[in-house]
Amino acid sequence: MEDEGFILPVVEVNIRYRSPAYYDDLLKIETRVKELGRVKVEFAYEIYREDGTHVATATTVLGCLSRATRKPIASPQDIRDALQKTMV
């Protein structure tokens, strides 16, 4: 993506812990596109321990920036199209 002139930094993170996860726990992370705009994308996460215990719910927001100027730009259409296919 950087070679194409854009970057997708994380601009916001939210997490709600529901149960502890311990060192060496195997975790399952389910990810989906929650909201898709021209300049930003929001992902939602559900995190579970191997035994099925719900560990956390989270979201991240990524913004599309010009690599050169670090200013917001519209994300490339092919990226939006690929993400659109994953929305439920």
N, C-alpha and C. Protein backbone atom coordinates (compact mmCIF):
# COMPACT_ATOMS: atom_id res chain seq x y z
N MET A 1 0.81 -1.18 0.00
CA MET A 1 0.00 0.00 0.00
C MET A 1 0.87 1.26 0.00
N GLU A 2 1.94 1.22 0.76
CA GLU A 2 2.82 2.38 0.80
C GLU A 2 3.40 2.68 -0.58
N ASP A 3 3.71 1.63 -1.34
CA ASP A 3 4.22 1.84 -2.70
C ASP A 3 3.18 2.50 -3.60
N GLU A 4 1.89 2.33 -3.26
CA GLU A 4 0.82 2.96 -4.03
C GLU A 4 0.51 4.36 -3.54
N GLY A 5 1.21 4.81 -2.50
CA GLY A 5 1.08 6.19 -2.05
C GLY A 5 0.12 6.46 -0.91
N PHE A 6 -0.35 5.40 -0.23
CA PHE A 6 -1.24 5.65 0.91
C PHE A 6 -0.90 4.74 2.07
N ILE A 7 -1.32 5.16 3.25
CA ILE A 7 -1.13 4.38 4.47
C ILE A 7 -2.46 4.33 5.21
N LEU A 8 -2.62 3.34 6.08
CA LEU A 8 -3.86 3.16 6.84
C LEU A 8 -3.55 3.10 8.35
N PRO A 9 -3.23 4.22 8.97
CA PRO A 9 -2.93 4.19 10.40
C PRO A 9 -4.20 4.01 11.25
N VAL A 10 -4.03 3.39 12.39
CA VAL A 10 -5.12 3.26 13.36
C VAL A 10 -5.30 4.63 14.01
N VAL A 11 -6.53 5.15 13.97
CA VAL A 11 -6.79 6.47 14.55
C VAL A 11 -7.67 6.38 15.80
N GLU A 12 -8.26 5.21 16.04
CA GLU A 12 -9.09 5.03 17.24
C GLU A 12 -9.15 3.55 17.59
N VAL A 13 -9.11 3.26 18.89
CA VAL A 13 -9.24 1.89 19.39
C VAL A 13 -10.19 1.92 20.59
N ASN A 14 -11.12 0.98 20.61
CA ASN A 14 -12.01 0.80 21.77
C ASN A 14 -12.04 -0.68 22.09
N ILE A 15 -11.97 -0.99 23.38
CA ILE A 15 -12.04 -2.40 23.78
C ILE A 15 -12.78 -2.52 25.10
N ARG A 16 -13.59 -3.56 25.18
CA ARG A 16 -14.29 -3.87 26.43
C ARG A 16 -13.89 -5.28 26.83
N TYR A 17 -13.20 -5.37 27.95
CA TYR A 17 -12.76 -6.67 28.46
C TYR A 17 -13.91 -7.33 29.21
N ARG A 18 -14.12 -8.60 28.93
CA ARG A 18 -15.21 -9.34 29.56
C ARG A 18 -14.70 -10.45 30.48
N SER A 19 -13.54 -10.97 30.16
CA SER A 19 -12.95 -12.07 30.91
C SER A 19 -11.45 -12.04 30.65
N PRO A 20 -10.63 -12.47 31.61
CA PRO A 20 -9.18 -12.42 31.38
C PRO A 20 -8.71 -13.45 30.35
N ALA A 21 -7.65 -13.08 29.69
CA ALA A 21 -6.89 -14.02 28.85
C ALA A 21 -5.53 -14.14 29.53
N TYR A 22 -4.98 -15.33 29.51
CA TYR A 22 -3.74 -15.59 30.22
C TYR A 22 -2.62 -15.91 29.23
N TYR A 23 -1.41 -15.70 29.70
CA TYR A 23 -0.24 -16.02 28.89
C TYR A 23 -0.36 -17.46 28.38
N ASP A 24 -0.07 -17.64 27.13
CA ASP A 24 -0.14 -18.94 26.44
C ASP A 24 -1.56 -19.38 26.09
N ASP A 25 -2.60 -18.59 26.43
CA ASP A 25 -3.94 -18.91 25.96
C ASP A 25 -3.98 -18.82 24.45
N LEU A 26 -4.66 -19.74 23.82
CA LEU A 26 -4.93 -19.62 22.39
C LEU A 26 -6.22 -18.83 22.24
N LEU A 27 -6.16 -17.78 21.43
CA LEU A 27 -7.31 -16.91 21.25
C LEU A 27 -7.83 -16.99 19.83
N LYS A 28 -9.14 -16.90 19.71
CA LYS A 28 -9.79 -16.83 18.40
C LYS A 28 -10.30 -15.40 18.27
N ILE A 29 -9.92 -14.72 17.19
CA ILE A 29 -10.34 -13.35 16.96
C ILE A 29 -11.18 -13.31 15.68
N GLU A 30 -12.45 -12.96 15.85
CA GLU A 30 -13.36 -12.82 14.71
C GLU A 30 -13.37 -11.33 14.33
N THR A 31 -13.12 -11.05 13.08
CA THR A 31 -13.03 -9.67 12.61
C THR A 31 -14.01 -9.45 11.47
N ARG A 32 -14.67 -8.29 11.49
CA ARG A 32 -15.56 -7.93 10.38
C ARG A 32 -15.47 -6.44 10.14
N VAL A 33 -15.81 -6.03 8.94
CA VAL A 33 -15.89 -4.60 8.62
C VAL A 33 -17.23 -4.12 9.14
N LYS A 34 -17.20 -3.14 10.02
CA LYS A 34 -18.43 -2.61 10.61
C LYS A 34 -18.96 -1.42 9.82
N GLU A 35 -18.05 -0.55 9.38
CA GLU A 35 -18.44 0.64 8.62
C GLU A 35 -17.34 0.95 7.62
N LEU A 36 -17.76 1.31 6.43
CA LEU A 36 -16.79 1.58 5.36
C LEU A 36 -17.12 2.92 4.71
N GLY A 37 -16.18 3.83 4.80
CA GLY A 37 -16.34 5.13 4.17
C GLY A 37 -15.26 5.34 3.13
N ARG A 38 -15.26 6.52 2.54
CA ARG A 38 -14.24 6.81 1.52
C ARG A 38 -12.85 6.99 2.13
N VAL A 39 -12.80 7.53 3.35
CA VAL A 39 -11.52 7.85 3.98
C VAL A 39 -11.23 6.98 5.19
N LYS A 40 -12.24 6.36 5.77
CA LYS A 40 -12.01 5.54 6.97
C LYS A 40 -12.74 4.21 6.87
N VAL A 41 -12.23 3.27 7.66
CA VAL A 41 -12.87 1.96 7.78
C VAL A 41 -12.86 1.59 9.26
N GLU A 42 -13.99 1.05 9.72
CA GLU A 42 -14.09 0.61 11.11
C GLU A 42 -14.23 -0.91 11.13
N PHE A 43 -13.37 -1.55 11.92
CA PHE A 43 -13.41 -2.99 12.09
C PHE A 43 -13.96 -3.31 13.47
N ALA A 44 -14.73 -4.39 13.59
CA ALA A 44 -15.24 -4.88 14.86
C ALA A 44 -14.63 -6.25 15.13
N TYR A 45 -14.34 -6.52 16.40
CA TYR A 45 -13.67 -7.76 16.79
C TYR A 45 -14.41 -8.41 17.95
N GLU A 46 -14.49 -9.72 17.91
CA GLU A 46 -14.94 -10.53 19.05
C GLU A 46 -13.79 -11.48 19.34
N ILE A 47 -13.37 -11.51 20.60
CA ILE A 47 -12.19 -12.29 20.99
C ILE A 47 -12.62 -13.35 22.00
N TYR A 48 -12.22 -14.60 21.72
CA TYR A 48 -12.61 -15.74 22.55
C TYR A 48 -11.38 -16.57 22.92
N ARG A 49 -11.42 -17.16 24.11
CA ARG A 49 -10.41 -18.17 24.46
C ARG A 49 -10.77 -19.47 23.75
N GLU A 50 -9.84 -20.37 23.72
CA GLU A 50 -10.04 -21.66 23.03
C GLU A 50 -11.24 -22.43 23.59
N ASP A 51 -11.54 -22.23 24.87
CA ASP A 51 -12.68 -22.94 25.48
C ASP A 51 -14.02 -22.26 25.20
N GLY A 52 -14.01 -21.18 24.41
CA GLY A 52 -15.23 -20.49 24.03
C GLY A 52 -15.58 -19.29 24.91
N THR A 53 -14.81 -19.06 25.96
CA THR A 53 -15.07 -17.92 26.83
C THR A 53 -14.87 -16.61 26.07
N HIS A 54 -15.86 -15.73 26.17
CA HIS A 54 -15.79 -14.43 25.49
C HIS A 54 -14.84 -13.53 26.28
N VAL A 55 -13.71 -13.17 25.68
CA VAL A 55 -12.68 -12.39 26.35
C VAL A 55 -12.89 -10.89 26.18
N ALA A 56 -13.21 -10.46 24.96
CA ALA A 56 -13.32 -9.01 24.73
C ALA A 56 -14.08 -8.72 23.44
N THR A 57 -14.60 -7.50 23.39
CA THR A 57 -15.21 -6.94 22.20
C THR A 57 -14.42 -5.66 21.90
N ALA A 58 -14.10 -5.43 20.64
CA ALA A 58 -13.27 -4.27 20.32
C ALA A 58 -13.63 -3.70 18.95
N THR A 59 -13.22 -2.46 18.73
CA THR A 59 -13.30 -1.83 17.41
C THR A 59 -12.03 -1.04 17.17
N THR A 60 -11.67 -0.92 15.91
CA THR A 60 -10.60 -0.01 15.50
C THR A 60 -11.09 0.79 14.30
N VAL A 61 -10.63 2.01 14.21
CA VAL A 61 -10.91 2.86 13.06
C VAL A 61 -9.57 3.18 12.41
N LEU A 62 -9.49 2.92 11.10
CA LEU A 62 -8.29 3.24 10.34
C LEU A 62 -8.63 4.34 9.36
N GLY A 63 -7.73 5.27 9.21
CA GLY A 63 -7.93 6.36 8.26
C GLY A 63 -6.98 6.20 7.09
N CYS A 64 -7.41 6.61 5.92
CA CYS A 64 -6.57 6.53 4.73
C CYS A 64 -5.86 7.88 4.57
N LEU A 65 -4.54 7.85 4.59
CA LEU A 65 -3.74 9.06 4.46
C LEU A 65 -2.78 8.95 3.29
N SER A 66 -2.48 10.09 2.71
CA SER A 66 -1.44 10.16 1.69
C SER A 66 -0.10 9.86 2.36
N ARG A 67 0.66 8.99 1.79
CA ARG A 67 1.98 8.67 2.34
C ARG A 67 2.88 9.89 2.33
N ALA A 68 2.78 10.71 1.30
CA ALA A 68 3.66 11.87 1.15
C ALA A 68 3.27 13.02 2.08
N THR A 69 1.98 13.33 2.15
CA THR A 69 1.55 14.52 2.89
C THR A 69 0.99 14.22 4.27
N ARG A 70 0.64 12.95 4.53
CA ARG A 70 0.00 12.54 5.78
C ARG A 70 -1.36 13.21 5.98
N LYS A 71 -2.00 13.61 4.89
CA LYS A 71 -3.33 14.22 4.92
C LYS A 71 -4.35 13.17 4.46
N PRO A 72 -5.60 13.26 4.95
CA PRO A 72 -6.63 12.30 4.54
C PRO A 72 -6.88 12.34 3.04
N ILE A 73 -7.04 11.14 2.47
CA ILE A 73 -7.39 11.00 1.06
C ILE A 73 -8.40 9.86 0.94
N ALA A 74 -9.11 9.81 -0.16
CA ALA A 74 -10.02 8.69 -0.41
C ALA A 74 -9.20 7.42 -0.61
N SER A 75 -9.66 6.34 0.01
CA SER A 75 -8.96 5.07 -0.18
C SER A 75 -9.20 4.59 -1.60
N PRO A 76 -8.25 3.85 -2.17
CA PRO A 76 -8.42 3.34 -3.53
C PRO A 76 -9.69 2.49 -3.66
N GLN A 77 -10.34 2.62 -4.78
CA GLN A 77 -11.61 1.91 -5.02
C GLN A 77 -11.45 0.41 -4.89
N ASP A 78 -10.32 -0.15 -5.35
CA ASP A 78 -10.14 -1.61 -5.26
C ASP A 78 -10.07 -2.08 -3.81
N ILE A 79 -9.51 -1.27 -2.94
CA ILE A 79 -9.47 -1.61 -1.51
C ILE A 79 -10.89 -1.55 -0.93
N ARG A 80 -11.62 -0.49 -1.24
CA ARG A 80 -13.01 -0.39 -0.76
C ARG A 80 -13.86 -1.53 -1.28
N ASP A 81 -13.67 -1.90 -2.56
CA ASP A 81 -14.44 -3.01 -3.13
C ASP A 81 -14.13 -4.32 -2.39
N ALA A 82 -12.86 -4.57 -2.11
CA ALA A 82 -12.48 -5.81 -1.41
C ALA A 82 -13.07 -5.83 0.00
N LEU A 83 -13.02 -4.70 0.71
CA LEU A 83 -13.57 -4.64 2.06
C LEU A 83 -15.09 -4.75 2.04
N GLN A 84 -15.72 -4.17 1.03
CA GLN A 84 -17.17 -4.22 0.91
C GLN A 84 -17.66 -5.67 0.84
N LYS A 85 -16.90 -6.53 0.20
CA LYS A 85 -17.27 -7.94 0.05
C LYS A 85 -17.28 -8.68 1.39
N THR A 86 -16.55 -8.15 2.38
CA THR A 86 -16.47 -8.82 3.68
C THR A 86 -17.52 -8.34 4.65
N MET A 87 -18.28 -7.28 4.29
CA MET A 87 -19.28 -6.75 5.21
C MET A 87 -20.48 -7.69 5.29
N VAL A 88 -21.02 -7.80 6.47
CA VAL A 88 -22.17 -8.68 6.71
C VAL A 88 -23.44 -7.85 6.74
